[in-house]
Amino acid sequence: MVLENGTLASALPGEIITFGTYPQTADVADRTPIKWRVLQNSGRELFILSEYILDCRRYHGECEDITWRDCEDITWRDCDLRKWLNNEFYNTAFNAAEKGFIKTTCCTDNGEGSPDTEDKVFLLSVAEIKALSDHHGKDLRRAVGTDFAKTKKNDGCSLYVYDKTNKDNYIIRNGEEMGCSWWWLRTRGNKPSRAFFVGPSCSIRSYANVSLARDGVRPALKVNLQ
């Protein structure tokens, strides 16, 4: 775990740390350090969110033939994306020593009829992104995907990248204007077969069918400082 120009214990909200590795280039063979934005520092733990959209996954469903019409009723507890985050992603991104720093987090605000869960890696909830946006500003909701996230996967997932005229849907990175992408929240949506996501112009939307193959994943987790 590395904090630029300081120690982890003194990391301030908004600062960037690197922790773990994950493919981030189009050739998918790299092991690039993951950049995380510090959301909170309690003195005992850091609450962090990936700075970039690291992958594109359905909230539920893993077959290439699944379409958005094939969505089914599902909770955060039982969805494929939660299983992927806490198994494949967790084991790919972190070595044994790094896993020792990651806390088990009780996740609430998972939506109507969706039980609380205990997770090593999770998505933000609606309540969390709203509260964090009040502190960090709505720019926290704007995110771009890595080249790996934009690569079409074997399961048919392909990250949507904004390419239209509303400048609120772009970020300037290294002097380059880059289109933002939408990313999942864990909270159940306005129907049992839908989930919330962060959409156009930093909006929080409730109507993404869980089988949509266009939305990105920004993992979140908490790491021990003591």
Protein backbone atom coordinates (compact mmCIF):
# COMPACT_ATOMS: atom_id res chain seq x y z
CA MET A 1 0.00 0.00 0.00
CA VAL A 2 1.50 3.29 -1.07
CA LEU A 3 0.40 6.87 -0.46
CA GLU A 4 2.07 9.52 -2.55
CA ASN A 5 4.10 11.89 -0.34
CA GLY A 6 3.01 10.60 3.05
CA THR A 7 2.03 7.71 5.30
CA LEU A 8 -1.22 5.81 5.18
CA ALA A 9 -2.18 6.84 8.69
CA SER A 10 -2.14 10.47 7.60
CA ALA A 11 -4.00 9.90 4.32
CA LEU A 12 -6.61 12.58 3.81
CA PRO A 13 -9.98 12.13 2.09
CA GLY A 14 -9.49 12.75 -1.60
CA GLU A 15 -5.90 11.53 -1.70
CA ILE A 16 -4.85 8.60 -3.88
CA ILE A 17 -3.19 5.40 -2.71
CA THR A 18 -2.11 2.33 -4.67
CA PHE A 19 -3.05 -1.09 -3.36
CA GLY A 20 -3.18 -4.39 -5.22
CA THR A 21 -2.89 -4.91 -8.98
CA TYR A 22 -5.31 -5.58 -11.82
CA PRO A 23 -5.14 -5.64 -15.65
CA GLN A 24 -5.67 -2.14 -16.99
CA THR A 25 -4.40 -2.27 -20.58
CA ALA A 26 -6.05 -3.56 -23.73
CA ASP A 27 -3.67 -6.53 -23.98
CA VAL A 28 -5.12 -7.77 -20.60
CA ALA A 29 -1.80 -9.33 -19.56
CA ASP A 30 -0.49 -6.54 -17.33
CA ARG A 31 -0.52 -6.31 -13.53
CA THR A 32 -0.92 -2.57 -12.98
CA PRO A 33 -1.16 -1.10 -9.46
CA ILE A 34 -4.74 -0.12 -8.63
CA LYS A 35 -5.34 3.52 -7.73
CA TRP A 36 -7.83 4.10 -4.93
CA ARG A 37 -9.36 7.35 -3.72
CA VAL A 38 -9.50 7.74 0.05
CA LEU A 39 -13.12 8.41 1.01
CA GLN A 40 -12.73 8.42 4.80
CA ASN A 41 -9.95 7.98 7.35
CA SER A 42 -11.24 7.11 10.83
CA GLY A 43 -7.76 6.71 12.28
CA ARG A 44 -8.34 2.96 12.47
CA GLU A 45 -9.27 2.24 8.87
CA LEU A 46 -9.38 3.73 5.40
CA PHE A 47 -12.54 3.58 3.31
CA ILE A 48 -11.42 3.56 -0.35
CA LEU A 49 -12.98 3.48 -3.84
CA SER A 50 -11.21 2.61 -7.08
CA GLU A 51 -10.36 5.80 -8.96
CA TYR A 52 -11.07 4.17 -12.31
CA ILE A 53 -13.72 1.78 -13.51
CA LEU A 54 -11.71 -1.44 -13.45
CA ASP A 55 -14.01 -3.80 -15.32
CA CYS A 56 -17.39 -4.18 -17.01
CA ARG A 57 -19.74 -6.80 -15.60
CA ARG A 58 -23.44 -7.52 -15.42
CA TYR A 59 -25.00 -7.09 -11.98
CA HIS A 60 -26.35 -10.59 -12.49
CA GLY A 61 -25.84 -13.08 -15.29
CA GLU A 62 -22.63 -14.37 -16.82
CA CYS A 63 -23.64 -15.94 -20.13
CA GLU A 64 -22.80 -14.25 -23.44
CA ASP A 65 -26.33 -14.93 -24.74
CA ILE A 66 -28.05 -12.99 -21.93
CA THR A 67 -29.76 -9.80 -23.09
CA TRP A 68 -31.14 -6.90 -21.08
CA ARG A 69 -34.60 -8.47 -21.46
CA ASP A 70 -33.46 -11.59 -19.61
CA CYS A 71 -33.09 -9.87 -16.25
CA GLU A 72 -34.43 -11.68 -13.19
CA ASP A 73 -35.33 -10.69 -9.67
CA ILE A 74 -32.16 -10.69 -7.57
CA THR A 75 -30.71 -9.16 -4.41
CA TRP A 76 -27.22 -7.83 -3.79
CA ARG A 77 -26.65 -10.79 -1.47
CA ASP A 78 -27.28 -13.31 -4.24
CA CYS A 79 -26.10 -11.51 -7.37
CA ASP A 80 -23.21 -12.70 -9.54
CA LEU A 81 -21.39 -9.38 -9.29
CA ARG A 82 -21.05 -9.67 -5.50
CA LYS A 83 -19.74 -13.23 -5.89
CA TRP A 84 -17.24 -12.09 -8.52
CA LEU A 85 -15.97 -9.19 -6.40
CA ASN A 86 -15.40 -11.36 -3.35
CA ASN A 87 -13.85 -14.28 -5.21
CA GLU A 88 -12.32 -13.75 -8.65
CA PHE A 89 -11.55 -10.05 -8.28
CA TYR A 90 -10.40 -10.37 -4.65
CA ASN A 91 -8.04 -13.24 -5.48
CA THR A 92 -6.73 -11.60 -8.66
CA ALA A 93 -6.15 -8.14 -7.24
CA PHE A 94 -4.58 -8.92 -3.86
CA ASN A 95 -1.82 -11.17 -2.61
CA ALA A 96 -1.91 -12.90 0.78
CA ALA A 97 -0.19 -10.02 2.58
CA GLU A 98 -2.54 -7.44 1.09
CA LYS A 99 -5.60 -9.52 1.99
CA GLY A 100 -4.48 -9.29 5.60
CA PHE A 101 -5.22 -5.55 5.58
CA ILE A 102 -8.73 -5.85 4.12
CA LYS A 103 -11.59 -5.71 6.61
CA THR A 104 -14.90 -7.52 6.41
CA THR A 105 -17.53 -4.79 6.03
CA CYS A 106 -21.19 -5.02 6.99
CA CYS A 107 -23.09 -3.66 3.97
CA THR A 108 -26.53 -2.19 4.59
CA ASP A 109 -28.77 -0.04 2.35
CA ASN A 110 -28.88 -2.91 -0.12
CA GLY A 111 -32.43 -2.12 -1.15
CA GLU A 112 -35.94 -3.23 -0.31
CA GLY A 113 -36.04 -6.93 0.46
CA SER A 114 -32.26 -7.23 0.12
CA PRO A 115 -30.57 -8.48 3.32
CA ASP A 116 -27.46 -7.00 4.88
CA THR A 117 -24.22 -8.69 3.83
CA GLU A 118 -20.64 -9.01 5.01
CA ASP A 119 -18.14 -8.40 2.25
CA LYS A 120 -14.42 -7.96 1.70
CA VAL A 121 -15.07 -6.04 -1.52
CA PHE A 122 -18.32 -4.31 -2.38
CA LEU A 123 -20.04 -1.61 -4.41
CA LEU A 124 -21.14 1.69 -2.91
CA SER A 125 -24.79 2.04 -1.94
CA VAL A 126 -27.12 4.91 -2.82
CA ALA A 127 -26.87 6.30 0.71
CA GLU A 128 -23.07 6.13 0.65
CA ILE A 129 -22.58 7.83 -2.71
CA LYS A 130 -24.98 10.62 -1.73
CA ALA A 131 -23.25 11.22 1.61
CA LEU A 132 -19.78 10.99 0.08
CA SER A 133 -20.75 13.37 -2.72
CA ASP A 134 -21.77 15.93 -0.10
CA HIS A 135 -18.23 15.76 1.27
CA HIS A 136 -16.14 15.24 -1.87
CA GLY A 137 -18.37 16.96 -4.42
CA LYS A 138 -20.34 15.41 -7.26
CA ASP A 139 -17.18 14.96 -9.33
CA LEU A 140 -16.66 11.81 -7.26
CA ARG A 141 -19.43 10.29 -9.37
CA ARG A 142 -17.66 10.91 -12.68
CA ALA A 143 -15.49 8.00 -13.70
CA VAL A 144 -13.70 6.69 -16.76
CA GLY A 145 -12.77 3.12 -17.49
CA THR A 146 -9.36 1.61 -18.01
CA ASP A 147 -8.54 0.24 -21.45
CA PHE A 148 -9.08 -3.23 -20.00
CA ALA A 149 -12.56 -2.26 -18.77
CA LYS A 150 -13.41 -1.02 -22.26
CA THR A 151 -12.34 -4.28 -23.90
CA LYS A 152 -15.24 -6.50 -24.91
CA LYS A 153 -15.23 -9.63 -22.76
CA ASN A 154 -16.09 -13.25 -23.56
CA ASP A 155 -19.38 -12.86 -21.67
CA GLY A 156 -20.45 -10.07 -24.04
CA CYS A 157 -19.89 -7.19 -21.62
CA SER A 158 -18.60 -3.98 -23.16
CA LEU A 159 -18.28 -0.74 -21.19
CA TYR A 160 -20.37 2.13 -22.52
CA VAL A 161 -18.29 5.28 -23.04
CA TYR A 162 -20.10 8.62 -23.43
CA ASP A 163 -19.39 10.24 -26.80
CA LYS A 164 -22.10 12.87 -27.15
CA THR A 165 -22.21 16.64 -26.65
CA ASN A 166 -22.97 17.19 -22.93
CA LYS A 167 -19.65 18.33 -21.44
CA ASP A 168 -20.80 17.29 -17.95
CA ASN A 169 -20.17 13.72 -19.09
CA TYR A 170 -16.46 14.16 -19.76
CA ILE A 171 -13.33 14.24 -17.60
CA ILE A 172 -10.01 15.86 -18.46
CA ARG A 173 -7.19 13.39 -17.71
CA ASN A 174 -3.59 14.24 -18.62
CA GLY A 175 -4.86 16.99 -20.89
CA GLU A 176 -7.18 14.64 -22.78
CA GLU A 177 -10.98 14.85 -22.80
CA MET A 178 -12.37 11.42 -21.94
CA GLY A 179 -15.97 10.25 -21.97
CA CYS A 180 -17.35 8.98 -18.68
CA SER A 181 -19.03 5.62 -18.20
CA TRP A 182 -21.89 4.48 -16.00
CA TRP A 183 -21.14 2.31 -12.97
CA TRP A 184 -23.13 0.05 -10.69
CA LEU A 185 -24.26 0.71 -7.14
CA ARG A 186 -25.24 -2.25 -4.99
CA THR A 187 -28.71 -0.99 -3.96
CA ARG A 188 -31.70 -2.76 -5.49
CA GLY A 189 -33.52 -0.59 -8.01
CA ASN A 190 -37.14 0.45 -8.51
CA LYS A 191 -38.01 -3.15 -9.43
CA PRO A 192 -36.57 -6.40 -8.04
CA SER A 193 -34.93 -7.05 -11.42
CA ARG A 194 -33.15 -3.67 -11.46
CA ALA A 195 -30.27 -2.02 -9.65
CA PHE A 196 -29.17 1.56 -9.04
CA PHE A 197 -26.28 3.00 -11.03
CA VAL A 198 -24.48 6.31 -11.47
CA GLY A 199 -25.57 7.66 -14.82
CA PRO A 200 -25.46 10.77 -16.99
CA SER A 201 -24.21 14.03 -15.49
CA CYS A 202 -23.52 12.46 -12.07
CA SER A 203 -27.13 11.37 -11.67
CA ILE A 204 -28.16 8.39 -9.54
CA ARG A 205 -30.62 6.22 -11.45
CA SER A 206 -32.75 3.31 -10.23
CA TYR A 207 -33.76 1.47 -13.38
CA ALA A 208 -30.81 -0.53 -14.80
CA ASN A 209 -31.88 -4.08 -15.64
CA VAL A 210 -29.48 -6.36 -13.78
CA SER A 211 -28.54 -8.17 -17.01
CA LEU A 212 -27.28 -5.04 -18.78
CA ALA A 213 -23.79 -5.60 -20.17
CA ARG A 214 -22.66 -1.95 -20.44
CA ASP A 215 -22.04 -0.72 -16.86
CA GLY A 216 -18.75 -0.55 -15.02
CA VAL A 217 -17.42 -1.73 -11.68
CA ARG A 218 -15.70 0.56 -9.16
CA PRO A 219 -14.85 -1.70 -6.21
CA ALA A 220 -14.81 -0.30 -2.69
CA LEU A 221 -13.31 -1.72 0.49
CA LYS A 222 -11.97 -0.85 3.93
CA VAL A 223 -8.37 -1.42 5.03
CA ASN A 224 -6.98 -1.64 8.55
CA LEU A 225 -4.51 0.97 9.74
CA GLN A 226 -3.88 -0.76 13.08
